[in-house]
């Protein structure tokens, strides 16, 4: 149990030292089209559907061509914000889960951080607010 506390402290320290910080946005500000300078795009719909065209810099080869799926905001399950879970009811957040269907057997998941005071999205992982250089901006 002590190692979890140490890990959480290290992740918190890293997040504080990171140049990127997350910013919460409302669902209404997320819905619409977002695009990278490289041409990858993602469109969020109010009914939680998502359509993507490529994630060339996501690190997820199976998501590289994009597709159709669903999205949801992550919510904190504890007061400290250390336990996160996706919620289909959440209407605001700073961390987004995108799940794309890859055929009938497989699903590809990508997490996105809301950055630049809500003006950009970036591919995230557990260790980094932004795990790649690519930034999606609202179109």
N, C-alpha and C. Protein backbone atom coordinates (compact mmCIF):
# COMPACT_ATOMS: atom_id res chain seq x y z
N UNK A 1 0.81 -1.19 0.00
CA UNK A 1 0.00 0.00 0.00
C UNK A 1 0.86 1.26 0.00
N UNK A 2 2.03 1.17 0.62
CA UNK A 2 2.92 2.33 0.66
C UNK A 2 3.43 2.71 -0.72
N UNK A 3 3.63 1.72 -1.59
CA UNK A 3 4.13 2.02 -2.93
C UNK A 3 3.11 2.82 -3.73
N UNK A 4 1.82 2.62 -3.46
CA UNK A 4 0.78 3.40 -4.16
C UNK A 4 0.89 4.86 -3.76
N UNK A 5 1.13 5.11 -2.48
CA UNK A 5 1.28 6.49 -2.01
C UNK A 5 2.51 7.15 -2.64
N UNK A 6 3.61 6.40 -2.74
CA UNK A 6 4.82 6.93 -3.35
C UNK A 6 4.58 7.22 -4.83
N UNK A 7 3.93 6.28 -5.52
CA UNK A 7 3.63 6.48 -6.94
C UNK A 7 2.74 7.70 -7.14
N UNK A 8 1.72 7.83 -6.32
CA UNK A 8 0.83 8.99 -6.43
C UNK A 8 1.60 10.29 -6.20
N UNK A 9 2.52 10.30 -5.24
CA UNK A 9 3.32 11.50 -4.97
C UNK A 9 4.22 11.84 -6.15
N UNK A 10 4.83 10.83 -6.76
CA UNK A 10 5.70 11.05 -7.92
C UNK A 10 4.87 11.59 -9.09
N UNK A 11 3.71 11.01 -9.35
CA UNK A 11 2.85 11.48 -10.43
C UNK A 11 2.38 12.90 -10.18
N UNK A 12 2.04 13.22 -8.94
CA UNK A 12 1.63 14.57 -8.61
C UNK A 12 2.76 15.55 -8.82
N UNK A 13 3.96 15.21 -8.39
CA UNK A 13 5.13 16.07 -8.58
C UNK A 13 5.37 16.28 -10.07
N UNK A 14 5.27 15.21 -10.86
CA UNK A 14 5.48 15.33 -12.30
C UNK A 14 4.43 16.25 -12.92
N UNK A 15 3.19 16.08 -12.50
CA UNK A 15 2.11 16.90 -13.06
C UNK A 15 2.33 18.38 -12.73
N UNK A 16 2.80 18.67 -11.52
CA UNK A 16 3.06 20.05 -11.13
C UNK A 16 4.20 20.63 -11.94
N UNK A 17 5.22 19.82 -12.23
CA UNK A 17 6.39 20.29 -12.96
C UNK A 17 6.18 20.33 -14.47
N UNK A 18 5.15 19.66 -14.96
CA UNK A 18 4.89 19.60 -16.39
C UNK A 18 4.52 20.98 -16.93
N UNK A 19 4.89 21.26 -18.17
CA UNK A 19 4.58 22.54 -18.77
C UNK A 19 3.12 22.64 -19.19
N UNK A 20 2.45 21.53 -19.34
CA UNK A 20 1.05 21.52 -19.72
C UNK A 20 0.18 21.28 -18.49
N UNK A 21 -0.92 21.98 -18.42
CA UNK A 21 -1.89 21.73 -17.35
C UNK A 21 -3.26 21.54 -17.96
N UNK A 22 -4.06 20.75 -17.30
CA UNK A 22 -5.42 20.49 -17.77
C UNK A 22 -6.35 21.60 -17.32
N UNK A 23 -7.36 21.83 -18.14
CA UNK A 23 -8.40 22.81 -17.85
C UNK A 23 -9.76 22.19 -18.17
N UNK A 24 -10.68 22.28 -17.24
CA UNK A 24 -12.01 21.71 -17.44
C UNK A 24 -12.81 22.54 -18.45
N UNK A 25 -13.57 21.82 -19.27
CA UNK A 25 -14.51 22.47 -20.19
C UNK A 25 -15.86 21.78 -20.08
N UNK A 26 -16.89 22.47 -20.49
CA UNK A 26 -18.24 21.91 -20.52
C UNK A 26 -18.44 21.10 -21.79
N UNK A 27 -19.39 20.20 -21.76
CA UNK A 27 -19.70 19.36 -22.91
C UNK A 27 -20.00 20.23 -24.13
N UNK A 28 -20.71 21.33 -23.95
CA UNK A 28 -21.04 22.21 -25.06
C UNK A 28 -19.82 22.80 -25.75
N UNK A 29 -18.73 23.00 -24.98
CA UNK A 29 -17.50 23.51 -25.56
C UNK A 29 -16.68 22.42 -26.24
N UNK A 30 -16.93 21.16 -25.88
CA UNK A 30 -16.21 20.04 -26.47
C UNK A 30 -16.85 19.60 -27.79
N UNK A 31 -18.18 19.61 -27.83
CA UNK A 31 -18.91 19.13 -29.01
C UNK A 31 -18.52 19.95 -30.23
N UNK A 32 -18.18 19.24 -31.31
CA UNK A 32 -17.78 19.88 -32.55
C UNK A 32 -16.52 19.23 -33.10
N UNK A 33 -15.93 19.87 -34.09
CA UNK A 33 -14.76 19.33 -34.78
C UNK A 33 -13.47 19.92 -34.24
N UNK A 34 -12.45 19.05 -34.11
CA UNK A 34 -11.11 19.41 -33.67
C UNK A 34 -10.14 18.80 -34.66
N UNK A 35 -9.03 19.50 -34.95
CA UNK A 35 -8.09 19.02 -35.95
C UNK A 35 -6.66 19.34 -35.56
N UNK A 36 -5.71 18.46 -35.96
CA UNK A 36 -4.28 18.74 -35.75
C UNK A 36 -3.72 19.40 -37.00
N UNK A 37 -2.53 19.97 -36.87
CA UNK A 37 -1.86 20.56 -38.03
C UNK A 37 -1.48 19.48 -39.04
N UNK A 38 -1.37 18.23 -38.60
CA UNK A 38 -1.05 17.11 -39.49
C UNK A 38 -2.24 16.52 -40.20
N UNK A 39 -3.44 17.01 -39.92
CA UNK A 39 -4.63 16.54 -40.62
C UNK A 39 -5.49 15.53 -39.87
N UNK A 40 -5.02 15.03 -38.71
CA UNK A 40 -5.87 14.14 -37.92
C UNK A 40 -7.04 14.95 -37.38
N UNK A 41 -8.21 14.32 -37.33
CA UNK A 41 -9.38 15.05 -36.85
C UNK A 41 -10.24 14.18 -35.95
N UNK A 42 -11.00 14.87 -35.11
CA UNK A 42 -11.93 14.20 -34.21
C UNK A 42 -13.16 15.08 -34.08
N UNK A 43 -14.32 14.46 -34.14
CA UNK A 43 -15.58 15.19 -33.99
C UNK A 43 -16.37 14.58 -32.85
N UNK A 44 -16.69 15.39 -31.87
CA UNK A 44 -17.47 14.98 -30.72
C UNK A 44 -18.92 15.37 -30.94
N UNK A 45 -19.85 14.46 -30.65
CA UNK A 45 -21.27 14.73 -30.77
C UNK A 45 -21.90 14.77 -29.38
N UNK A 46 -23.01 15.50 -29.25
CA UNK A 46 -23.68 15.64 -27.95
C UNK A 46 -24.21 14.32 -27.42
N UNK A 47 -24.51 13.37 -28.31
CA UNK A 47 -25.03 12.06 -27.86
C UNK A 47 -23.92 11.10 -27.45
N UNK A 48 -22.68 11.61 -27.32
CA UNK A 48 -21.49 10.87 -26.90
C UNK A 48 -20.85 10.04 -28.01
N UNK A 49 -21.32 10.18 -29.22
CA UNK A 49 -20.65 9.53 -30.35
C UNK A 49 -19.41 10.34 -30.69
N UNK A 50 -18.40 9.67 -31.23
CA UNK A 50 -17.20 10.34 -31.70
C UNK A 50 -16.80 9.72 -33.03
N UNK A 51 -16.30 10.56 -33.92
CA UNK A 51 -15.79 10.10 -35.22
C UNK A 51 -14.40 10.69 -35.39
N UNK A 52 -13.46 9.82 -35.75
CA UNK A 52 -12.08 10.27 -35.90
C UNK A 52 -11.56 9.94 -37.29
N UNK A 53 -10.58 10.69 -37.70
CA UNK A 53 -9.86 10.43 -38.93
C UNK A 53 -8.38 10.46 -38.60
N UNK A 54 -7.86 9.30 -38.21
CA UNK A 54 -6.44 9.18 -37.92
C UNK A 54 -6.05 9.63 -36.52
N UNK A 55 -5.07 8.97 -36.00
CA UNK A 55 -4.38 9.34 -34.77
C UNK A 55 -2.93 8.98 -35.01
N UNK A 56 -2.33 9.63 -36.01
CA UNK A 56 -1.01 9.23 -36.48
C UNK A 56 0.08 9.35 -35.42
N UNK A 57 -0.14 10.17 -34.41
CA UNK A 57 0.90 10.34 -33.40
C UNK A 57 0.42 9.87 -32.03
N UNK A 58 -0.56 8.97 -32.00
CA UNK A 58 -1.12 8.55 -30.72
C UNK A 58 -0.34 7.43 -30.07
N UNK A 59 0.52 6.75 -30.83
CA UNK A 59 1.22 5.61 -30.28
C UNK A 59 0.38 4.35 -30.31
N UNK A 60 -0.82 4.47 -30.82
CA UNK A 60 -1.73 3.32 -30.91
C UNK A 60 -1.89 2.98 -32.38
N UNK A 61 -1.12 2.04 -32.88
CA UNK A 61 -1.18 1.70 -34.30
C UNK A 61 -2.58 1.31 -34.74
N UNK A 62 -3.32 0.60 -33.91
CA UNK A 62 -4.64 0.14 -34.31
C UNK A 62 -5.63 1.29 -34.42
N UNK A 63 -5.31 2.45 -33.87
CA UNK A 63 -6.20 3.61 -33.96
C UNK A 63 -5.78 4.55 -35.09
N UNK A 64 -4.72 4.23 -35.79
CA UNK A 64 -4.15 5.12 -36.78
C UNK A 64 -5.07 5.55 -37.89
N UNK A 65 -6.03 4.71 -38.27
CA UNK A 65 -6.94 5.08 -39.34
C UNK A 65 -8.19 5.79 -38.84
N UNK A 66 -8.38 5.81 -37.55
CA UNK A 66 -9.57 6.45 -36.98
C UNK A 66 -10.77 5.52 -37.01
N UNK A 67 -11.93 6.08 -36.78
CA UNK A 67 -13.14 5.29 -36.76
C UNK A 67 -14.26 5.97 -36.03
N UNK A 68 -15.23 5.17 -35.61
CA UNK A 68 -16.41 5.64 -34.92
C UNK A 68 -16.46 4.98 -33.55
N UNK A 69 -16.90 5.71 -32.56
CA UNK A 69 -16.99 5.15 -31.22
C UNK A 69 -17.77 6.06 -30.31
N UNK A 70 -17.34 6.11 -29.05
CA UNK A 70 -18.01 6.94 -28.07
C UNK A 70 -16.98 7.63 -27.18
N UNK A 71 -17.40 8.68 -26.50
CA UNK A 71 -16.52 9.44 -25.62
C UNK A 71 -17.20 9.67 -24.29
N UNK A 72 -16.38 9.94 -23.27
CA UNK A 72 -16.90 10.32 -21.96
C UNK A 72 -15.82 11.06 -21.18
N UNK A 73 -16.25 11.89 -20.25
CA UNK A 73 -15.32 12.55 -19.35
C UNK A 73 -14.94 11.59 -18.23
N UNK A 74 -13.72 11.70 -17.75
CA UNK A 74 -13.31 11.02 -16.53
C UNK A 74 -13.78 11.87 -15.34
N UNK A 75 -14.16 11.20 -14.26
CA UNK A 75 -14.52 11.89 -13.02
C UNK A 75 -13.72 11.28 -11.87
N UNK A 76 -13.45 12.10 -10.86
CA UNK A 76 -12.74 11.63 -9.67
C UNK A 76 -13.70 10.83 -8.80
N UNK A 77 -13.24 9.68 -8.34
CA UNK A 77 -14.07 8.82 -7.49
C UNK A 77 -13.73 9.02 -6.01
N UNK A 78 -12.74 9.85 -5.71
CA UNK A 78 -12.39 10.15 -4.33
C UNK A 78 -12.06 11.63 -4.22
N UNK A 79 -11.99 12.14 -3.00
CA UNK A 79 -11.75 13.56 -2.77
C UNK A 79 -10.39 14.03 -3.26
N UNK A 80 -9.41 13.16 -3.26
CA UNK A 80 -8.06 13.54 -3.67
C UNK A 80 -7.86 13.50 -5.19
N UNK A 81 -8.82 12.94 -5.92
CA UNK A 81 -8.72 12.85 -7.37
C UNK A 81 -7.74 11.80 -7.85
N UNK A 82 -7.42 10.84 -6.99
CA UNK A 82 -6.45 9.80 -7.35
C UNK A 82 -7.09 8.62 -8.06
N UNK A 83 -8.38 8.44 -7.89
CA UNK A 83 -9.10 7.35 -8.54
C UNK A 83 -10.05 7.95 -9.57
N UNK A 84 -9.80 7.65 -10.84
CA UNK A 84 -10.62 8.19 -11.93
C UNK A 84 -11.43 7.09 -12.60
N UNK A 85 -12.59 7.48 -13.08
CA UNK A 85 -13.46 6.54 -13.80
C UNK A 85 -14.23 7.34 -14.84
N UNK A 86 -14.51 6.72 -15.99
CA UNK A 86 -15.31 7.41 -16.99
C UNK A 86 -16.76 7.44 -16.54
N UNK A 87 -17.45 8.50 -16.95
CA UNK A 87 -18.85 8.66 -16.59
C UNK A 87 -19.66 9.13 -17.79
N UNK A 88 -20.65 8.35 -18.21
CA UNK A 88 -21.49 8.78 -19.33
C UNK A 88 -22.42 9.93 -18.95
N UNK A 89 -22.52 10.24 -17.66
CA UNK A 89 -23.38 11.33 -17.21
C UNK A 89 -22.63 12.64 -17.00
N UNK A 90 -21.30 12.60 -16.89
CA UNK A 90 -20.53 13.82 -16.63
C UNK A 90 -20.68 14.79 -17.79
N UNK A 91 -20.91 16.06 -17.47
CA UNK A 91 -21.12 17.07 -18.50
C UNK A 91 -19.96 18.07 -18.59
N UNK A 92 -18.91 17.83 -17.82
CA UNK A 92 -17.73 18.69 -17.86
C UNK A 92 -16.53 17.89 -17.38
N UNK A 93 -15.34 18.34 -17.77
CA UNK A 93 -14.13 17.68 -17.32
C UNK A 93 -12.90 18.19 -18.03
N UNK A 94 -11.74 17.67 -17.58
CA UNK A 94 -10.47 18.06 -18.19
C UNK A 94 -9.71 16.87 -18.77
N UNK A 95 -10.32 15.69 -18.69
CA UNK A 95 -9.69 14.45 -19.15
C UNK A 95 -10.77 13.61 -19.81
N UNK A 96 -10.55 13.19 -21.06
CA UNK A 96 -11.58 12.57 -21.88
C UNK A 96 -11.13 11.19 -22.35
N UNK A 97 -12.04 10.24 -22.31
CA UNK A 97 -11.80 8.90 -22.83
C UNK A 97 -12.49 8.77 -24.18
N UNK A 98 -11.77 8.30 -25.18
CA UNK A 98 -12.33 8.04 -26.51
C UNK A 98 -12.13 6.55 -26.79
N UNK A 99 -13.22 5.85 -27.04
CA UNK A 99 -13.17 4.41 -27.36
C UNK A 99 -13.67 4.22 -28.77
N UNK A 100 -12.82 3.64 -29.61
CA UNK A 100 -13.16 3.39 -31.01
C UNK A 100 -13.32 1.89 -31.22
N UNK A 101 -14.33 1.51 -31.95
CA UNK A 101 -14.55 0.10 -32.25
C UNK A 101 -13.62 -0.32 -33.38
N UNK A 102 -12.85 -1.37 -33.13
CA UNK A 102 -11.93 -1.93 -34.13
C UNK A 102 -12.45 -3.30 -34.53
N UNK A 103 -13.42 -3.35 -35.42
CA UNK A 103 -14.03 -4.62 -35.79
C UNK A 103 -14.96 -5.10 -34.69
N UNK A 104 -15.38 -6.32 -34.75
CA UNK A 104 -16.33 -6.84 -33.77
C UNK A 104 -15.65 -7.36 -32.52
N UNK A 105 -14.33 -7.51 -32.54
CA UNK A 105 -13.63 -8.13 -31.43
C UNK A 105 -12.82 -7.17 -30.57
N UNK A 106 -12.54 -5.99 -31.05
CA UNK A 106 -11.55 -5.17 -30.38
C UNK A 106 -11.98 -3.71 -30.28
N UNK A 107 -11.55 -3.09 -29.20
CA UNK A 107 -11.81 -1.68 -29.00
C UNK A 107 -10.48 -0.98 -28.74
N UNK A 108 -10.31 0.20 -29.29
CA UNK A 108 -9.10 0.99 -29.09
C UNK A 108 -9.47 2.19 -28.23
N UNK A 109 -8.72 2.43 -27.16
CA UNK A 109 -9.01 3.57 -26.30
C UNK A 109 -7.86 4.55 -26.33
N UNK A 110 -8.22 5.83 -26.40
CA UNK A 110 -7.27 6.93 -26.36
C UNK A 110 -7.77 7.93 -25.33
N UNK A 111 -6.87 8.43 -24.50
CA UNK A 111 -7.23 9.46 -23.53
C UNK A 111 -6.72 10.80 -24.03
N UNK A 112 -7.53 11.83 -23.82
CA UNK A 112 -7.18 13.18 -24.25
C UNK A 112 -7.24 14.13 -23.06
N UNK A 113 -6.26 15.00 -22.95
CA UNK A 113 -6.26 16.07 -21.95
C UNK A 113 -6.76 17.34 -22.61
N UNK A 114 -7.54 18.12 -21.87
CA UNK A 114 -7.96 19.44 -22.31
C UNK A 114 -6.92 20.42 -21.79
N UNK A 115 -6.27 21.15 -22.70
CA UNK A 115 -5.19 22.07 -22.32
C UNK A 115 -5.44 23.45 -22.93
N UNK A 116 -4.48 24.34 -22.73
CA UNK A 116 -4.54 25.70 -23.28
C UNK A 116 -5.86 26.40 -22.95
N UNK A 117 -6.25 26.28 -21.68
CA UNK A 117 -7.49 26.89 -21.18
C UNK A 117 -8.71 26.45 -21.99
N UNK A 118 -8.68 25.20 -22.46
CA UNK A 118 -9.81 24.64 -23.18
C UNK A 118 -9.76 24.81 -24.68
N UNK A 119 -8.68 25.38 -25.20
CA UNK A 119 -8.58 25.63 -26.64
C UNK A 119 -7.95 24.48 -27.41
N UNK A 120 -7.32 23.51 -26.70
CA UNK A 120 -6.64 22.41 -27.37
C UNK A 120 -6.86 21.10 -26.62
N UNK A 121 -6.69 20.01 -27.35
CA UNK A 121 -6.71 18.66 -26.80
C UNK A 121 -5.42 17.98 -27.20
N UNK A 122 -4.88 17.13 -26.32
CA UNK A 122 -3.70 16.37 -26.68
C UNK A 122 -3.85 14.94 -26.18
N UNK A 123 -3.19 14.01 -26.86
CA UNK A 123 -3.20 12.61 -26.46
C UNK A 123 -2.43 12.50 -25.16
N UNK A 124 -3.02 11.83 -24.18
CA UNK A 124 -2.43 11.73 -22.84
C UNK A 124 -2.15 10.27 -22.49
N UNK A 125 -1.32 10.09 -21.48
CA UNK A 125 -1.16 8.77 -20.87
C UNK A 125 -1.04 8.96 -19.37
N UNK A 126 -0.86 7.88 -18.64
CA UNK A 126 -0.82 7.98 -17.18
C UNK A 126 0.32 8.83 -16.67
N UNK A 127 1.39 8.92 -17.44
CA UNK A 127 2.58 9.65 -16.99
C UNK A 127 2.66 11.09 -17.50
N UNK A 128 1.89 11.42 -18.52
CA UNK A 128 2.03 12.73 -19.15
C UNK A 128 0.67 13.36 -19.45
N UNK A 129 0.55 14.65 -19.13
CA UNK A 129 -0.64 15.38 -19.52
C UNK A 129 -0.76 15.32 -21.04
N UNK A 130 0.35 15.54 -21.73
CA UNK A 130 0.41 15.42 -23.19
C UNK A 130 1.55 14.47 -23.53
N UNK A 131 1.21 13.33 -24.09
CA UNK A 131 2.21 12.30 -24.38
C UNK A 131 2.84 12.47 -25.76
N UNK A 132 2.26 13.32 -26.60
CA UNK A 132 2.78 13.55 -27.95
C UNK A 132 2.79 15.04 -28.22
N UNK A 133 3.40 15.42 -29.32
CA UNK A 133 3.46 16.82 -29.71
C UNK A 133 2.16 17.30 -30.36
N UNK A 134 1.35 16.39 -30.89
CA UNK A 134 0.15 16.76 -31.64
C UNK A 134 -0.88 17.44 -30.75
N UNK A 135 -1.47 18.52 -31.26
CA UNK A 135 -2.52 19.24 -30.55
C UNK A 135 -3.73 19.37 -31.46
N UNK A 136 -4.87 18.97 -30.95
CA UNK A 136 -6.13 19.17 -31.66
C UNK A 136 -6.68 20.53 -31.26
N UNK A 137 -7.03 21.35 -32.25
CA UNK A 137 -7.64 22.66 -31.97
C UNK A 137 -9.02 22.69 -32.57
N UNK A 138 -9.89 23.47 -31.94
CA UNK A 138 -11.28 23.56 -32.37
C UNK A 138 -11.36 24.18 -33.76
N UNK A 139 -12.23 23.63 -34.60
CA UNK A 139 -12.42 24.13 -35.97
C UNK A 139 -13.70 24.92 -36.07
